[in-house]
C-alpha atoms as a PDB file:
ATOM      1  CA  MET A   1      70.398  11.270  37.252  1.00  0.00           C
ATOM      2  CA  ALA A   2      71.252   7.389  37.726  1.00  0.00           C
ATOM      3  CA  LEU A   3      71.472   5.566  41.119  1.00  0.00           C
ATOM      4  CA  LEU A   4      74.695   4.936  41.845  1.00  0.00           C
ATOM      5  CA  ALA A   5      73.450   2.842  45.461  1.00  0.00           C
ATOM      6  CA  GLY A   6      70.473   2.276  47.212  1.00  0.00           C
ATOM      7  CA  LYS A   7      68.800   0.492  50.282  1.00  0.00           C
ATOM      8  CA  LEU A   8      65.718   0.459  51.441  1.00  0.00           C
ATOM      9  CA  TYR A   9      65.906  -1.565  54.677  1.00  0.00           C
ATOM     10  CA  ASP A  10      62.723  -2.739  56.261  1.00  0.00           C
ATOM     11  CA  PRO A  11      63.653  -5.680  58.373  1.00  0.00           C
ATOM     12  CA  SER A  12      61.034  -7.456  59.129  1.00  0.00           C
ATOM     13  CA  THR A  13      62.103  -7.025  63.061  1.00  0.00           C
ATOM     14  CA  ALA A  14      61.847  -3.381  63.607  1.00  0.00           C
ATOM     15  CA  ALA A  15      64.933  -2.122  64.529  1.00  0.00           C
ATOM     16  CA  THR A  16      66.248   1.240  66.604  1.00  0.00           C
ATOM     17  CA  ALA A  17      68.654   3.510  66.936  1.00  0.00           C
ATOM     18  CA  SER A  18      68.303   5.443  70.054  1.00  0.00           C
ATOM     19  CA  CYS A  19      68.203   9.292  70.767  1.00  0.00           C
ATOM     20  CA  GLY A  20      68.057   9.295  74.441  1.00  0.00           C
ATOM     21  CA  THR A  21      71.894   9.748  74.157  1.00  0.00           C
ATOM     22  CA  LEU A  22      74.420  12.683  72.873  1.00  0.00           C
ATOM     23  CA  LEU A  23      75.937  11.089  70.253  1.00  0.00           C
ATOM     24  CA  ALA A  24      78.566  11.981  67.988  1.00  0.00           C
ATOM     25  CA  MET A  25      77.918  10.584  64.292  1.00  0.00           C
ATOM     26  CA  THR A  26      77.636   7.246  64.557  1.00  0.00           C
ATOM     27  CA  ALA A  27      77.042   4.630  62.067  1.00  0.00           C
ATOM     28  CA  ILE A  28      73.255   2.912  61.968  1.00  0.00           C
ATOM     29  CA  ASP A  29      73.997  -0.444  60.803  1.00  0.00           C
ATOM     30  CA  THR A  30      77.515  -1.159  58.925  1.00  0.00           C
ATOM     31  CA  THR A  31      75.904  -4.092  57.584  1.00  0.00           C
ATOM     32  CA  ASN A  32      72.215  -3.176  56.386  1.00  0.00           C
ATOM     33  CA  LEU A  33      73.164   0.560  55.442  1.00  0.00           C
ATOM     34  CA  ARG A  34      76.412   1.087  53.783  1.00  0.00           C
ATOM     35  CA  LEU A  35      76.648   1.331  50.523  1.00  0.00           C
ATOM     36  CA  THR A  36      79.733   1.159  48.191  1.00  0.00           C
ATOM     37  CA  PHE A  37      79.808   2.908  44.459  1.00  0.00           C
ATOM     38  CA  THR A  38      82.424   3.711  41.957  1.00  0.00           C
ATOM     39  CA  ALA A  39      82.221   8.208  41.553  1.00  0.00           C
ATOM     40  CA  PRO A  40      81.007   9.442  38.555  1.00  0.00           C
ATOM     41  CA  ALA A  41      83.230  11.415  35.974  1.00  0.00           C
ATOM     42  CA  ASN A  42      82.297  14.795  37.655  1.00  0.00           C
ATOM     43  CA  GLY A  43      83.019  13.380  40.905  1.00  0.00           C
ATOM     44  CA  CYS A  44      79.489  14.625  42.536  1.00  0.00           C
ATOM     45  CA  VAL A  45      76.848  12.820  43.573  1.00  0.00           C
ATOM     46  CA  MET A  46      73.597  13.384  45.682  1.00  0.00           C
ATOM     47  CA  VAL A  47      73.083  11.339  48.832  1.00  0.00           C
ATOM     48  CA  ARG A  48      69.774  11.048  50.296  1.00  0.00           C
ATOM     49  CA  LEU A  49      68.812   9.618  53.967  1.00  0.00           C
ATOM     50  CA  ARG A  50      65.331   9.535  55.479  1.00  0.00           C
ATOM     51  CA  CYS A  51      63.737   8.177  58.493  1.00  0.00           C
ATOM     52  CA  PRO A  52      60.739   8.191  61.247  1.00  0.00           C
ATOM     53  CA  ILE A  53      61.140   9.308  64.908  1.00  0.00           C
ATOM     54  CA  ASP A  54      59.106   8.731  67.899  1.00  0.00           C
ATOM     55  CA  GLY A  55      58.466   7.520  71.491  1.00  0.00           C
ATOM     56  CA  ALA A  56      57.274  10.535  73.194  1.00  0.00           C
ATOM     57  CA  THR A  57      55.302  14.082  72.715  1.00  0.00           C
ATOM     58  CA  THR A  58      58.121  15.956  72.111  1.00  0.00           C
ATOM     59  CA  TRP A  59      61.511  15.494  70.106  1.00  0.00           C
ATOM     60  CA  PRO A  60      65.073  14.852  70.177  1.00  0.00           C
ATOM     61  CA  SER A  61      67.479  17.265  67.665  1.00  0.00           C
ATOM     62  CA  ILE A  62      69.425  14.908  65.348  1.00  0.00           C
ATOM     63  CA  LEU A  63      72.194  15.087  62.172  1.00  0.00           C
ATOM     64  CA  LEU A  64      71.895  12.950  59.587  1.00  0.00           C
ATOM     65  CA  GLY A  65      74.906  12.389  57.277  1.00  0.00           C
ATOM     66  CA  ILE A  66      77.755   9.803  56.262  1.00  0.00           C
ATOM     67  CA  LEU A  67      80.557   7.677  57.753  1.00  0.00           C
ATOM     68  CA  SER A  68      83.268   6.309  56.337  1.00  0.00           C
ATOM     69  CA  GLY A  69      85.560   4.407  58.305  1.00  0.00           C
ATOM     70  CA  SER A  70      85.594   7.520  61.155  1.00  0.00           C
ATOM     71  CA  THR A  71      85.515  10.043  58.920  1.00  0.00           C
ATOM     72  CA  VAL A  72      82.523  12.194  58.864  1.00  0.00           C
ATOM     73  CA  ILE A  73      81.954  12.723  54.652  1.00  0.00           C
ATOM     74  CA  ALA A  74      79.298  14.878  55.501  1.00  0.00           C
ATOM     75  CA  ARG A  75      75.574  15.606  57.978  1.00  0.00           C
ATOM     76  CA  GLN A  76      73.142  17.572  58.305  1.00  0.00           C
ATOM     77  CA  SER A  77      70.141  18.502  60.167  1.00  0.00           C
ATOM     78  CA  PRO A  78      67.249  16.834  58.642  1.00  0.00           C
ATOM     79  CA  MET A  79      64.167  18.811  57.045  1.00  0.00           C
ATOM     80  CA  GLY A  80      60.979  17.279  58.732  1.00  0.00           C
ATOM     81  CA  VAL A  81      57.770  18.360  60.101  1.00  0.00           C
ATOM     82  CA  ILE A  82      55.088  17.045  62.785  1.00  0.00           C
ATOM     83  CA  ALA A  83      52.751  15.087  60.957  1.00  0.00           C
ATOM     84  CA  GLY A  84      49.700  14.736  63.120  1.00  0.00           C
ATOM     85  CA  THR A  85      48.911  15.650  66.884  1.00  0.00           C
ATOM     86  CA  ALA A  86      51.846  15.282  69.525  1.00  0.00           C
ATOM     87  CA  ILE A  87      51.488  11.884  70.937  1.00  0.00           C
ATOM     88  CA  SER A  88      53.922   9.049  71.690  1.00  0.00           C
ATOM     89  CA  THR A  89      53.032   7.146  68.679  1.00  0.00           C
ATOM     90  CA  THR A  90      53.546   9.976  66.459  1.00  0.00           C
ATOM     91  CA  THR A  91      56.386   9.273  63.697  1.00  0.00           C
ATOM     92  CA  VAL A  92      58.127  12.390  62.406  1.00  0.00           C
ATOM     93  CA  VAL A  93      59.903  11.723  59.332  1.00  0.00           C
ATOM     94  CA  HIS A  94      63.862  13.252  58.887  1.00  0.00           C
ATOM     95  CA  GLU A  95      65.314  13.588  55.507  1.00  0.00           C
ATOM     96  CA  ALA A  96      68.583  15.329  55.077  1.00  0.00           C
ATOM     97  CA  LEU A  97      69.677  15.765  51.282  1.00  0.00           C
ATOM     98  CA  PHE A  98      72.860  16.891  50.056  1.00  0.00           C
ATOM     99  CA  THR A  99      75.476  16.734  47.696  1.00  0.00           C
ATOM    100  CA  ILE A 100      79.366  15.915  47.904  1.00  0.00           C
ATOM    101  CA  SER A 101      81.897  17.106  45.002  1.00  0.00           C
ATOM    102  CA  GLY A 102      85.565  16.409  44.578  1.00  0.00           C
ATOM    103  CA  LEU A 103      85.625  12.842  44.957  1.00  0.00           C
ATOM    104  CA  THR A 104      87.979  11.143  42.163  1.00  0.00           C
ATOM    105  CA  ALA A 105      85.961   9.577  38.938  1.00  0.00           C
ATOM    106  CA  GLY A 106      86.307   5.728  38.972  1.00  0.00           C
ATOM    107  CA  ASN A 107      87.262   5.400  42.475  1.00  0.00           C
ATOM    108  CA  SER A 108      85.013   3.128  44.439  1.00  0.00           C
ATOM    109  CA  TYR A 109      83.831   4.567  47.516  1.00  0.00           C
ATOM    110  CA  THR A 110      82.202   2.799  50.555  1.00  0.00           C
ATOM    111  CA  TRP A 111      79.591   4.913  53.176  1.00  0.00           C
ATOM    112  CA  ASP A 112      77.834   4.009  56.055  1.00  0.00           C
ATOM    113  CA  ALA A 113      74.645   5.790  56.691  1.00  0.00           C
ATOM    114  CA  ALA A 114      75.174   7.609  60.133  1.00  0.00           C
ATOM    115  CA  TYR A 115      73.563  10.028  62.809  1.00  0.00           C
ATOM    116  CA  GLY A 116      74.201  12.509  65.843  1.00  0.00           C
ATOM    117  CA  VAL A 117      72.030  13.400  68.961  1.00  0.00           C
ATOM    118  CA  GLU A 118      72.231  17.165  69.941  1.00  0.00           C
ATOM    119  CA  THR A 119      69.125  17.301  71.921  1.00  0.00           C
ATOM    120  CA  ILE A 120      67.982  14.215  73.668  1.00  0.00           C
ATOM    121  CA  LEU A 121      65.073  12.766  74.587  1.00  0.00           C
ATOM    122  CA  SER A 122      64.686   9.378  76.357  1.00  0.00           C
ATOM    123  CA  SER A 123      62.359   6.582  75.423  1.00  0.00           C
ATOM    124  CA  THR A 124      62.947   8.518  71.372  1.00  0.00           C
ATOM    125  CA  TYR A 125      64.698   6.421  68.742  1.00  0.00           C
ATOM    126  CA  ILE A 126      64.796   6.201  65.065  1.00  0.00           C
ATOM    127  CA  ARG A 127      62.661   3.491  64.285  1.00  0.00           C
ATOM    128  CA  TYR A 128      62.577   1.461  60.461  1.00  0.00           C
ATOM    129  CA  GLY A 129      60.850  -2.095  59.665  1.00  0.00           C
ATOM    130  CA  GLY A 130      58.838  -4.383  61.411  1.00  0.00           C
ATOM    131  CA  PRO A 131      55.939  -7.206  60.617  1.00  0.00           C
ATOM    132  CA  ASN A 132      53.703  -6.409  57.787  1.00  0.00           C
ATOM    133  CA  THR A 133      50.496  -7.084  60.367  1.00  0.00           C
ATOM    134  CA  ALA A 134      47.872  -4.698  61.334  1.00  0.00           C
ATOM    135  CA  SER A 135      49.867  -3.483  64.422  1.00  0.00           C
ATOM    136  CA  ALA A 136      51.169  -0.265  65.948  1.00  0.00           C
ATOM    137  CA  SER A 137      54.611  -1.603  65.558  1.00  0.00           C
ATOM    138  CA  VAL A 138      55.583  -1.102  61.809  1.00  0.00           C
ATOM    139  CA  TRP A 139      57.807   1.978  60.548  1.00  0.00           C
ATOM    140  CA  GLY A 140      58.866   1.196  57.426  1.00  0.00           C
ATOM    141  CA  GLY A 141      62.311   1.101  55.354  1.00  0.00           C
ATOM    142  CA  PHE A 142      65.247   3.499  56.272  1.00  0.00           C
ATOM    143  CA  GLN A 143      66.291   5.221  52.674  1.00  0.00           C
ATOM    144  CA  PHE A 144      69.710   5.336  51.960  1.00  0.00           C
ATOM    145  CA  GLU A 145      70.844   6.608  48.526  1.00  0.00           C
ATOM    146  CA  ILE A 146      73.595   7.639  46.573  1.00  0.00           C
ATOM    147  CA  TRP A 147      72.440   9.199  43.038  1.00  0.00           C
ATOM    148  CA  GLU A 148      74.868  10.644  40.204  1.00  0.00           C
ATOM    149  CA  ALA A 149      74.513  14.738  40.092  1.00  0.00           C
ATOM    150  CA  THR A 150      75.595  15.144  36.298  1.00  0.00           C
ATOM    151  CA  ALA A 151      74.021  18.702  35.978  1.00  0.00           C
ATOM    152  CA  LEU A 152      75.267  20.013  39.136  1.00  0.00           C
ATOM    153  CA  LEU A 153      77.386  23.118  38.158  1.00  0.00           C
ATOM    154  CA  GLY A 154      78.609  23.849  41.603  1.00  0.00           C
ATOM    155  CA  SER A 155      78.154  23.212  45.265  1.00  0.00           C
ATOM    156  CA  LYS A 156      79.165  23.861  48.863  1.00  0.00           C
ATOM    157  CA  LEU A 157      78.575  21.826  51.825  1.00  0.00           C
ATOM    158  CA  TYR A 158      80.626  23.853  54.345  1.00  0.00           C
ATOM    159  CA  ASP A 159      80.258  22.488  58.019  1.00  0.00           C
ATOM    160  CA  PRO A 160      83.127  24.140  59.966  1.00  0.00           C
ATOM    161  CA  SER A 161      84.418  22.354  62.857  1.00  0.00           C
ATOM    162  CA  THR A 162      83.709  25.709  65.060  1.00  0.00           C
ATOM    163  CA  ALA A 163      80.073  26.600  65.025  1.00  0.00           C
ATOM    164  CA  ALA A 164      79.471  29.239  62.497  1.00  0.00           C
ATOM    165  CA  THR A 165      75.948  31.558  63.366  1.00  0.00           C
ATOM    166  CA  GLU A 166      74.232  34.305  60.478  1.00  0.00           C
ATOM    167  CA  SER A 167      72.286  36.622  63.106  1.00  0.00           C
ATOM    168  CA  CYS A 168      68.613  37.200  62.747  1.00  0.00           C
ATOM    169  CA  ALA A 169      68.593  39.284  65.627  1.00  0.00           C
ATOM    170  CA  SER A 170      68.016  42.530  63.668  1.00  0.00           C
ATOM    171  CA  LEU A 171      66.088  42.961  60.167  1.00  0.00           C
ATOM    172  CA  LEU A 172      68.817  42.724  57.768  1.00  0.00           C
ATOM    173  CA  ALA A 173      68.558  43.594  53.896  1.00  0.00           C
ATOM    174  CA  MET A 174      69.851  40.902  51.556  1.00  0.00           C
ATOM    175  CA  THR A 175      73.561  39.997  52.717  1.00  0.00           C
ATOM    176  CA  ALA A 176      76.155  37.665  51.966  1.00  0.00           C
ATOM    177  CA  MET A 177      76.859  34.835  54.485  1.00  0.00           C
ATOM    178  CA  ASP A 178      80.197  33.597  53.715  1.00  0.00           C
ATOM    179  CA  THR A 179      82.152  35.036  50.879  1.00  0.00           C
ATOM    180  CA  THR A 180      84.671  32.676  51.196  1.00  0.00           C
ATOM    181  CA  ASN A 181      83.077  29.560  52.030  1.00  0.00           C
ATOM    182  CA  LEU A 182      79.232  30.107  50.342  1.00  0.00           C
ATOM    183  CA  ARG A 183      80.642  31.267  47.368  1.00  0.00           C
ATOM    184  CA  ILE A 184      80.503  29.152  44.039  1.00  0.00           C
ATOM    185  CA  THR A 185      81.547  30.424  40.399  1.00  0.00           C
ATOM    186  CA  PHE A 186      80.545  28.588  37.904  1.00  0.00           C
ATOM    187  CA  THR A 187      79.873  28.352  34.032  1.00  0.00           C
ATOM    188  CA  ALA A 188      76.606  28.643  32.723  1.00  0.00           C
ATOM    189  CA  PRO A 189      74.933  25.758  30.353  1.00  0.00           C
ATOM    190  CA  LEU A 190      73.412  26.041  26.907  1.00  0.00           C
ATOM    191  CA  SER A 191      70.292  26.581  28.123  1.00  0.00           C
ATOM    192  CA  GLY A 192      70.915  29.818  30.287  1.00  0.00           C
ATOM    193  CA  ARG A 193      68.974  28.249  32.947  1.00  0.00           C
ATOM    194  CA  VAL A 194      70.112  27.091  36.506  1.00  0.00           C
ATOM    195  CA  LEU A 195      68.420  25.798  39.858  1.00  0.00           C
ATOM    196  CA  VAL A 196      69.197  27.395  43.036  1.00  0.00           C
ATOM    197  CA  ARG A 197      69.178  25.282  46.265  1.00  0.00           C
ATOM    198  CA  MET A 198      70.157  26.337  49.614  1.00  0.00           C
ATOM    199  CA  MET A 199      69.385  24.519  53.188  1.00  0.00           C
ATOM    200  CA  GLY A 200      70.226  25.697  56.415  1.00  0.00           C
ATOM    201  CA  THR A 201      68.904  25.516  60.219  1.00  0.00           C
ATOM    202  CA  ILE A 202      67.688  28.147  62.666  1.00  0.00           C
ATOM    203  CA  HIS A 203      68.260  27.963  66.285  1.00  0.00           C
ATOM    204  CA  GLY A 204      68.090  29.698  69.236  1.00  0.00           C
ATOM    205  CA  ALA A 205      64.919  31.070  70.635  1.00  0.00           C
ATOM    206  CA  THR A 206      61.167  29.266  71.652  1.00  0.00           C
ATOM    207  CA  THR A 207      59.791  31.739  68.302  1.00  0.00           C
ATOM    208  CA  PHE A 208      61.360  31.944  65.100  1.00  0.00           C
ATOM    209  CA  PRO A 209      63.024  34.646  62.768  1.00  0.00           C
ATOM    210  CA  GLN A 210      61.606  35.321  59.000  1.00  0.00           C
ATOM    211  CA  VAL A 211      63.714  34.754  56.905  1.00  0.00           C
ATOM    212  CA  ILE A 212      64.584  34.744  52.764  1.00  0.00           C
ATOM    213  CA  PHE A 213      67.324  32.873  51.334  1.00  0.00           C
ATOM    214  CA  GLY A 214      68.601  33.883  47.931  1.00  0.00           C
ATOM    215  CA  VAL A 215      72.186  35.030  45.948  1.00  0.00           C
ATOM    216  CA  LEU A 216      73.818  37.784  45.377  1.00  0.00           C
ATOM    217  CA  GLN A 217      75.990  38.524  42.732  1.00  0.00           C
ATOM    218  CA  SER A 218      78.516  41.191  43.997  1.00  0.00           C
ATOM    219  CA  SER A 219      75.801  43.526  45.464  1.00  0.00           C
ATOM    220  CA  THR A 220      72.992  42.607  42.983  1.00  0.00           C
ATOM    221  CA  VAL A 221      70.346  40.546  44.061  1.00  0.00           C
ATOM    222  CA  ILE A 222      69.656  37.679  41.875  1.00  0.00           C
ATOM    223  CA  GLY A 223      67.173  35.803  42.741  1.00  0.00           C
ATOM    224  CA  ARG A 224      65.594  35.069  46.598  1.00  0.00           C
ATOM    225  CA  THR A 225      62.732  33.485  47.912  1.00  0.00           C
ATOM    226  CA  ASN A 226      61.030  32.216  51.136  1.00  0.00           C
ATOM    227  CA  PRO A 227      62.387  29.376  52.369  1.00  0.00           C
ATOM    228  CA  ILE A 228      60.256  25.893  53.548  1.00  0.00           C
ATOM    229  CA  GLY A 229      60.732  24.453  56.607  1.00  0.00           C
ATOM    230  CA  GLY A 230      58.572  22.755  59.391  1.00  0.00           C
ATOM    231  CA  LEU A 231      58.848  22.394  63.177  1.00  0.00           C
ATOM    232  CA  LYS A 232      60.173  18.719  63.718  1.00  0.00           C
ATOM    233  CA  ASN A 233      60.208  19.026  67.702  1.00  0.00           C
ATOM    234  CA  THR A 234      58.834  21.364  70.363  1.00  0.00           C
ATOM    235  CA  ALA A 235      59.310  24.760  69.921  1.00  0.00           C
ATOM    236  CA  LEU A 236      62.239  24.493  72.520  1.00  0.00           C
ATOM    237  CA  ALA A 237      65.531  27.122  72.328  1.00  0.00           C
ATOM    238  CA  THR A 238      67.536  24.003  71.462  1.00  0.00           C
ATOM    239  CA  ALA A 239      65.112  23.361  68.703  1.00  0.00           C
ATOM    240  CA  GLN A 240      66.656  23.172  64.874  1.00  0.00           C
ATOM    241  CA  LEU A 241      64.169  24.547  62.519  1.00  0.00           C
ATOM    242  CA  THR A 242      65.813  23.365  59.152  1.00  0.00           C
ATOM    243  CA  ARG A 243      64.672  25.821  56.068  1.00  0.00           C
ATOM    244  CA  GLU A 244      64.954  25.451  52.018  1.00  0.00           C
ATOM    245  CA  SER A 245      65.185  27.299  49.547  1.00  0.00           C
ATOM    246  CA  GLN A 246      64.406  26.232  45.731  1.00  0.00           C
ATOM    247  CA  PHE A 247      64.243  28.786  42.819  1.00  0.00           C
ATOM    248  CA  VAL A 248      65.289  28.784  38.905  1.00  0.00           C
ATOM    249  CA  VAL A 249      67.564  31.532  37.540  1.00  0.00           C
ATOM    250  CA  THR A 250      67.173  32.343  33.846  1.00  0.00           C
ATOM    251  CA  GLY A 251      68.664  34.649  31.396  1.00  0.00           C
ATOM    252  CA  LEU A 252      71.974  33.747  31.492  1.00  0.00           C
ATOM    253  CA  THR A 253      75.202  34.209  28.743  1.00  0.00           C
ATOM    254  CA  PRO A 254      75.922  30.224  27.750  1.00  0.00           C
ATOM    255  CA  GLY A 255      79.570  29.719  28.889  1.00  0.00           C
ATOM    256  CA  ASN A 256      79.953  32.761  30.639  1.00  0.00           C
ATOM    257  CA  ASN A 257      81.483  32.565  33.908  1.00  0.00           C
ATOM    258  CA  TYR A 258      79.503  34.000  37.018  1.00  0.00           C
ATOM    259  CA  THR A 259      80.361  34.060  41.116  1.00  0.00           C
ATOM    260  CA  TRP A 260      77.032  33.967  43.343  1.00  0.00           C
ATOM    261  CA  ASP A 261      77.190  34.049  46.928  1.00  0.00           C
ATOM    262  CA  ALA A 262      74.972  32.731  49.338  1.00  0.00           C
ATOM    263  CA  ALA A 263      72.739  35.232  50.780  1.00  0.00           C
ATOM    264  CA  TYR A 264      70.008  35.945  53.557  1.00  0.00           C
ATOM    265  CA  ALA A 265      67.437  38.804  54.608  1.00  0.00           C
ATOM    266  CA  VAL A 266      65.741  38.990  57.897  1.00  0.00           C
ATOM    267  CA  GLN A 267      61.958  40.354  57.705  1.00  0.00           C
ATOM    268  CA  VAL A 268      60.874  39.659  60.875  1.00  0.00           C
ATOM    269  CA  ALA A 269      63.947  39.348  63.647  1.00  0.00           C
ATOM    270  CA  VAL A 270      63.769  37.354  67.287  1.00  0.00           C
ATOM    271  CA  THR A 271      66.716  38.276  69.943  1.00  0.00           C
ATOM    272  CA  SER A 272      69.194  35.216  70.107  1.00  0.00           C
ATOM    273  CA  THR A 273      68.233  33.641  67.226  1.00  0.00           C
ATOM    274  CA  GLY A 274      70.617  32.836  64.293  1.00  0.00           C
ATOM    275  CA  ILE A 275      70.874  30.315  60.891  1.00  0.00           C
ATOM    276  CA  LYS A 276      73.720  28.087  62.175  1.00  0.00           C
ATOM    277  CA  TYR A 277      75.730  25.511  60.758  1.00  0.00           C
ATOM    278  CA  GLY A 278      78.996  23.655  61.676  1.00  0.00           C
ATOM    279  CA  GLY A 279      80.427  22.576  64.758  1.00  0.00           C
ATOM    280  CA  PRO A 280      82.344  19.772  66.403  1.00  0.00           C
ATOM    281  CA  ASN A 281      81.593  16.066  66.235  1.00  0.00           C
ATOM    282  CA  ASN A 282      81.140  15.519  69.984  1.00  0.00           C
ATOM    283  CA  THR A 283      78.998  13.924  72.503  1.00  0.00           C
ATOM    284  CA  THR A 284      78.311  17.656  74.146  1.00  0.00           C
ATOM    285  CA  ALA A 285      74.431  19.095  73.771  1.00  0.00           C
ATOM    286  CA  ASN A 286      73.715  21.339  71.306  1.00  0.00           C
ATOM    287  CA  ASP A 287      76.404  22.991  69.678  1.00  0.00           C
ATOM    288  CA  ALA A 288      76.653  21.562  66.156  1.00  0.00           C
ATOM    289  CA  PHE A 289      74.366  22.200  63.606  1.00  0.00           C
ATOM    290  CA  GLY A 290      75.578  20.232  60.599  1.00  0.00           C
ATOM    291  CA  ALA A 291      76.534  21.936  57.218  1.00  0.00           C
ATOM    292  CA  PHE A 292      75.005  24.991  55.003  1.00  0.00           C
ATOM    293  CA  LEU A 293      74.237  23.565  51.859  1.00  0.00           C
ATOM    294  CA  PHE A 294      74.159  26.079  48.695  1.00  0.00           C
ATOM    295  CA  GLU A 295      73.926  24.498  45.337  1.00  0.00           C
ATOM    296  CA  ILE A 296      73.766  25.246  41.853  1.00  0.00           C
ATOM    297  CA  TRP A 297      72.225  23.048  39.135  1.00  0.00           C
ATOM    298  CA  SER A 298      71.970  22.756  35.108  1.00  0.00           C
ATOM    299  CA  CYS A 299      68.410  23.368  34.085  1.00  0.00           C
END
């Protein structure tokens, strides 16, 4: 998997992007965090954005993604976890990692690293850069990368303009989430092995349900795992807890077509909670959750 374009922007004077105001998806720095690349032969790329937030003893809810001009290409509730005691100098690293398919092979694209703020917190910022000194004012570089995704067999980054919810308020056996928009048909590779990756955010209460992510082929469970994730902000009803599953499925017949649905189960229910994705790109608090990710890779 080759890097098509990348920036590790680490200015000697620290830079900030405020999380103290509600914000629709906005380019962070159109000079230094803008990438131009040529789409690969399969029209599929993988994007990584990574940055820290600090400034208070609690943290805002943000989305990370990319813009082409003013058009939102993708957005995701980033993965992250508090890596220390919750004090104002604690940095919480946020990472978004997703694939985009359907690009025109050979075309040139220019994308900007972008973010949105769904739940504000005064005095908090995305921070990057700073002098190479023995001080508490250094945050390292903002990472923005675009990789070719030659092994990607199928992907969905589903982000409807009206937010969708998969309820976690009651116990549930493995159930397809959306058989129209979170269904992938793919051809099994020569190895007969694939890697499945799913990522979405849970939201709605100060405690969180316990869920399983997996795939169904019609009503048959193909694979399922308990997703990894961490609370990157204080346990509020508005907090977004991003969860990710990855697992391998073997024994497929090379060359055969398979149709799989993204699915979930609820093992511990919590009233008013759900897996949430989509929502408008606006400056209204707490009404957008980024895309639900569903990928199948050859391995």
